[in-house]
Amino acid sequence: MVERNYPKALYYYQAAAALGRINSMLTLHQTFREGSLGYEVDQIMADKYDKLYDRLDQNPDLKFPNLSEMLPLPAHPEQGLYNPVTEENEKYLLLKQVLCVKPERGLPGYL
């Protein structure tokens, strides 16, 4: 059975794009332009990857060592974010953060 871990796939496409792999940059552009792999369409992100693709097309030796900082990947709507340290997706990180916030006095949920 093939694992369909889209956040993991995009993580590694981005890592390859950072090393100057033009096809990986194109995949990232298409993912956000078309909203494929379960990601939402993000025209701003698609345009940024398209500009980087054009730069790579002009200069194949370019590298983008801080690509993940320049263009952080969004969480997948269903699978979350891939964490390379744990090799798992962090699906509920935001939910955990929200549940750990103590409500202010007078708000629903205040004890």
C-alpha atoms as a PDB file:
ATOM      1  CA  MET A   1       0.000   0.000   0.000  1.00  0.00           C
ATOM      2  CA  VAL A   2       1.314   3.445  -0.938  1.00  0.00           C
ATOM      3  CA  GLU A   3       1.504   6.020   1.828  1.00  0.00           C
ATOM      4  CA  ARG A   4      -0.220   9.270   0.857  1.00  0.00           C
ATOM      5  CA  ASN A   5       1.473  11.628   3.251  1.00  0.00           C
ATOM      6  CA  TYR A   6       1.152  14.919   1.384  1.00  0.00           C
ATOM      7  CA  PRO A   7       2.795  17.133   4.031  1.00  0.00           C
ATOM      8  CA  LYS A   8       5.823  14.815   4.016  1.00  0.00           C
ATOM      9  CA  ALA A   9       5.948  14.859   0.224  1.00  0.00           C
ATOM     10  CA  LEU A  10       5.803  18.654   0.082  1.00  0.00           C
ATOM     11  CA  TYR A  11       8.466  18.906   2.787  1.00  0.00           C
ATOM     12  CA  TYR A  12      10.870  16.889   0.641  1.00  0.00           C
ATOM     13  CA  TYR A  13       9.893  18.680  -2.572  1.00  0.00           C
ATOM     14  CA  GLN A  14      10.743  21.929  -0.830  1.00  0.00           C
ATOM     15  CA  ALA A  15      14.062  20.517   0.434  1.00  0.00           C
ATOM     16  CA  ALA A  16      14.931  19.472  -3.126  1.00  0.00           C
ATOM     17  CA  ALA A  17      13.839  22.860  -4.507  1.00  0.00           C
ATOM     18  CA  ALA A  18      16.129  24.553  -1.981  1.00  0.00           C
ATOM     19  CA  LEU A  19      18.998  22.579  -3.524  1.00  0.00           C
ATOM     20  CA  GLY A  20      18.077  23.915  -6.964  1.00  0.00           C
ATOM     21  CA  ARG A  21      15.972  21.046  -8.300  1.00  0.00           C
ATOM     22  CA  ILE A  22      13.810  22.807 -10.878  1.00  0.00           C
ATOM     23  CA  ASN A  23      11.196  20.036 -11.178  1.00  0.00           C
ATOM     24  CA  SER A  24      10.594  20.184  -7.422  1.00  0.00           C
ATOM     25  CA  MET A  25      10.122  23.956  -7.644  1.00  0.00           C
ATOM     26  CA  LEU A  26       7.611  23.387 -10.450  1.00  0.00           C
ATOM     27  CA  THR A  27       5.728  20.818  -8.347  1.00  0.00           C
ATOM     28  CA  LEU A  28       5.453  23.303  -5.472  1.00  0.00           C
ATOM     29  CA  HIS A  29       4.204  25.994  -7.851  1.00  0.00           C
ATOM     30  CA  GLN A  30       1.597  23.673  -9.356  1.00  0.00           C
ATOM     31  CA  THR A  31       0.446  22.387  -5.966  1.00  0.00           C
ATOM     32  CA  PHE A  32      -0.495  25.870  -4.799  1.00  0.00           C
ATOM     33  CA  ARG A  33      -1.716  27.104  -8.180  1.00  0.00           C
ATOM     34  CA  GLU A  34      -4.069  24.167  -8.679  1.00  0.00           C
ATOM     35  CA  GLY A  35      -4.802  23.263  -5.074  1.00  0.00           C
ATOM     36  CA  SER A  36      -3.601  19.711  -5.624  1.00  0.00           C
ATOM     37  CA  LEU A  37      -2.666  17.041  -3.067  1.00  0.00           C
ATOM     38  CA  GLY A  38      -5.469  18.296  -0.860  1.00  0.00           C
ATOM     39  CA  TYR A  39      -3.925  21.743  -0.357  1.00  0.00           C
ATOM     40  CA  GLU A  40      -5.971  24.866  -0.879  1.00  0.00           C
ATOM     41  CA  VAL A  41      -5.248  27.154  -3.806  1.00  0.00           C
ATOM     42  CA  ASP A  42      -2.823  29.848  -2.698  1.00  0.00           C
ATOM     43  CA  GLN A  43      -2.077  32.161  -5.607  1.00  0.00           C
ATOM     44  CA  ILE A  44       0.420  34.243  -3.637  1.00  0.00           C
ATOM     45  CA  MET A  45       2.466  31.158  -2.730  1.00  0.00           C
ATOM     46  CA  ALA A  46       2.148  29.850  -6.303  1.00  0.00           C
ATOM     47  CA  ASP A  47       3.425  33.157  -7.712  1.00  0.00           C
ATOM     48  CA  LYS A  48       6.424  33.143  -5.370  1.00  0.00           C
ATOM     49  CA  TYR A  49       7.382  29.601  -6.369  1.00  0.00           C
ATOM     50  CA  ASP A  50       6.865  30.557 -10.020  1.00  0.00           C
ATOM     51  CA  LYS A  51       9.333  33.443  -9.671  1.00  0.00           C
ATOM     52  CA  LEU A  52      11.876  31.129  -8.065  1.00  0.00           C
ATOM     53  CA  TYR A  53      11.277  28.619 -10.862  1.00  0.00           C
ATOM     54  CA  ASP A  54      12.011  31.342 -13.425  1.00  0.00           C
ATOM     55  CA  ARG A  55      15.235  32.238 -11.604  1.00  0.00           C
ATOM     56  CA  LEU A  56      16.302  28.571 -11.625  1.00  0.00           C
ATOM     57  CA  ASP A  57      15.463  28.326 -15.297  1.00  0.00           C
ATOM     58  CA  GLN A  58      17.826  31.254 -15.960  1.00  0.00           C
ATOM     59  CA  ASN A  59      20.533  29.987 -13.590  1.00  0.00           C
ATOM     60  CA  PRO A  60      20.433  26.239 -12.847  1.00  0.00           C
ATOM     61  CA  ASP A  61      23.221  26.596 -10.262  1.00  0.00           C
ATOM     62  CA  LEU A  62      21.072  28.677  -7.901  1.00  0.00           C
ATOM     63  CA  LYS A  63      20.379  27.368  -4.410  1.00  0.00           C
ATOM     64  CA  PHE A  64      17.889  28.658  -1.846  1.00  0.00           C
ATOM     65  CA  PRO A  65      19.237  27.497   1.533  1.00  0.00           C
ATOM     66  CA  ASN A  66      16.606  29.395   3.511  1.00  0.00           C
ATOM     67  CA  LEU A  67      13.633  28.466   1.313  1.00  0.00           C
ATOM     68  CA  SER A  68      11.712  26.873   4.180  1.00  0.00           C
ATOM     69  CA  GLU A  69      12.044  30.134   6.121  1.00  0.00           C
ATOM     70  CA  MET A  70      11.218  32.336   3.128  1.00  0.00           C
ATOM     71  CA  LEU A  71       8.134  30.303   2.203  1.00  0.00           C
ATOM     72  CA  PRO A  72       7.000  28.166   5.146  1.00  0.00           C
ATOM     73  CA  LEU A  73       4.677  25.403   4.038  1.00  0.00           C
ATOM     74  CA  PRO A  74       1.098  25.685   5.248  1.00  0.00           C
ATOM     75  CA  ALA A  75      -0.507  22.887   7.203  1.00  0.00           C
ATOM     76  CA  HIS A  76      -2.428  20.400   5.101  1.00  0.00           C
ATOM     77  CA  PRO A  77      -6.146  20.814   5.894  1.00  0.00           C
ATOM     78  CA  GLU A  78      -6.525  17.156   6.889  1.00  0.00           C
ATOM     79  CA  GLN A  79      -3.018  15.839   7.545  1.00  0.00           C
ATOM     80  CA  GLY A  80      -1.353  18.794   9.292  1.00  0.00           C
ATOM     81  CA  LEU A  81       2.363  19.616   9.078  1.00  0.00           C
ATOM     82  CA  TYR A  82       5.167  17.108   8.625  1.00  0.00           C
ATOM     83  CA  ASN A  83       7.768  17.106  11.399  1.00  0.00           C
ATOM     84  CA  PRO A  84      11.064  15.625  10.137  1.00  0.00           C
ATOM     85  CA  VAL A  85      12.347  15.156  13.686  1.00  0.00           C
ATOM     86  CA  THR A  86       9.517  12.830  14.714  1.00  0.00           C
ATOM     87  CA  GLU A  87       8.776  11.729  11.129  1.00  0.00           C
ATOM     88  CA  GLU A  88       5.088  12.248  11.873  1.00  0.00           C
ATOM     89  CA  ASN A  89       2.471  14.789  10.958  1.00  0.00           C
ATOM     90  CA  GLU A  90       1.443  17.235  13.623  1.00  0.00           C
ATOM     91  CA  LYS A  91      -2.271  17.224  12.886  1.00  0.00           C
ATOM     92  CA  TYR A  92      -3.577  18.689  16.067  1.00  0.00           C
ATOM     93  CA  LEU A  93      -0.865  21.114  17.123  1.00  0.00           C
ATOM     94  CA  LEU A  94      -3.084  24.173  16.775  1.00  0.00           C
ATOM     95  CA  LEU A  95      -5.974  22.434  18.537  1.00  0.00           C
ATOM     96  CA  LYS A  96      -3.672  21.487  21.410  1.00  0.00           C
ATOM     97  CA  GLN A  97      -2.480  25.077  21.684  1.00  0.00           C
ATOM     98  CA  VAL A  98      -6.048  26.366  21.733  1.00  0.00           C
ATOM     99  CA  LEU A  99      -7.124  23.862  24.387  1.00  0.00           C
ATOM    100  CA  CYS A 100      -4.187  24.801  26.614  1.00  0.00           C
ATOM    101  CA  VAL A 101      -5.090  28.501  26.639  1.00  0.00           C
ATOM    102  CA  LYS A 102      -6.755  29.454  29.884  1.00  0.00           C
ATOM    103  CA  PRO A 103     -10.007  31.382  29.233  1.00  0.00           C
ATOM    104  CA  GLU A 104     -10.333  34.848  30.732  1.00  0.00           C
ATOM    105  CA  ARG A 105     -12.773  35.541  33.538  1.00  0.00           C
ATOM    106  CA  GLY A 106     -16.283  35.975  32.215  1.00  0.00           C
ATOM    107  CA  LEU A 107     -15.723  33.979  29.023  1.00  0.00           C
ATOM    108  CA  PRO A 108     -17.348  30.587  28.393  1.00  0.00           C
ATOM    109  CA  GLY A 109     -15.204  27.806  29.830  1.00  0.00           C
ATOM    110  CA  TYR A 110     -13.828  29.887  32.685  1.00  0.00           C
ATOM    111  CA  LEU A 111     -13.590  27.841  35.900  1.00  0.00           C
END
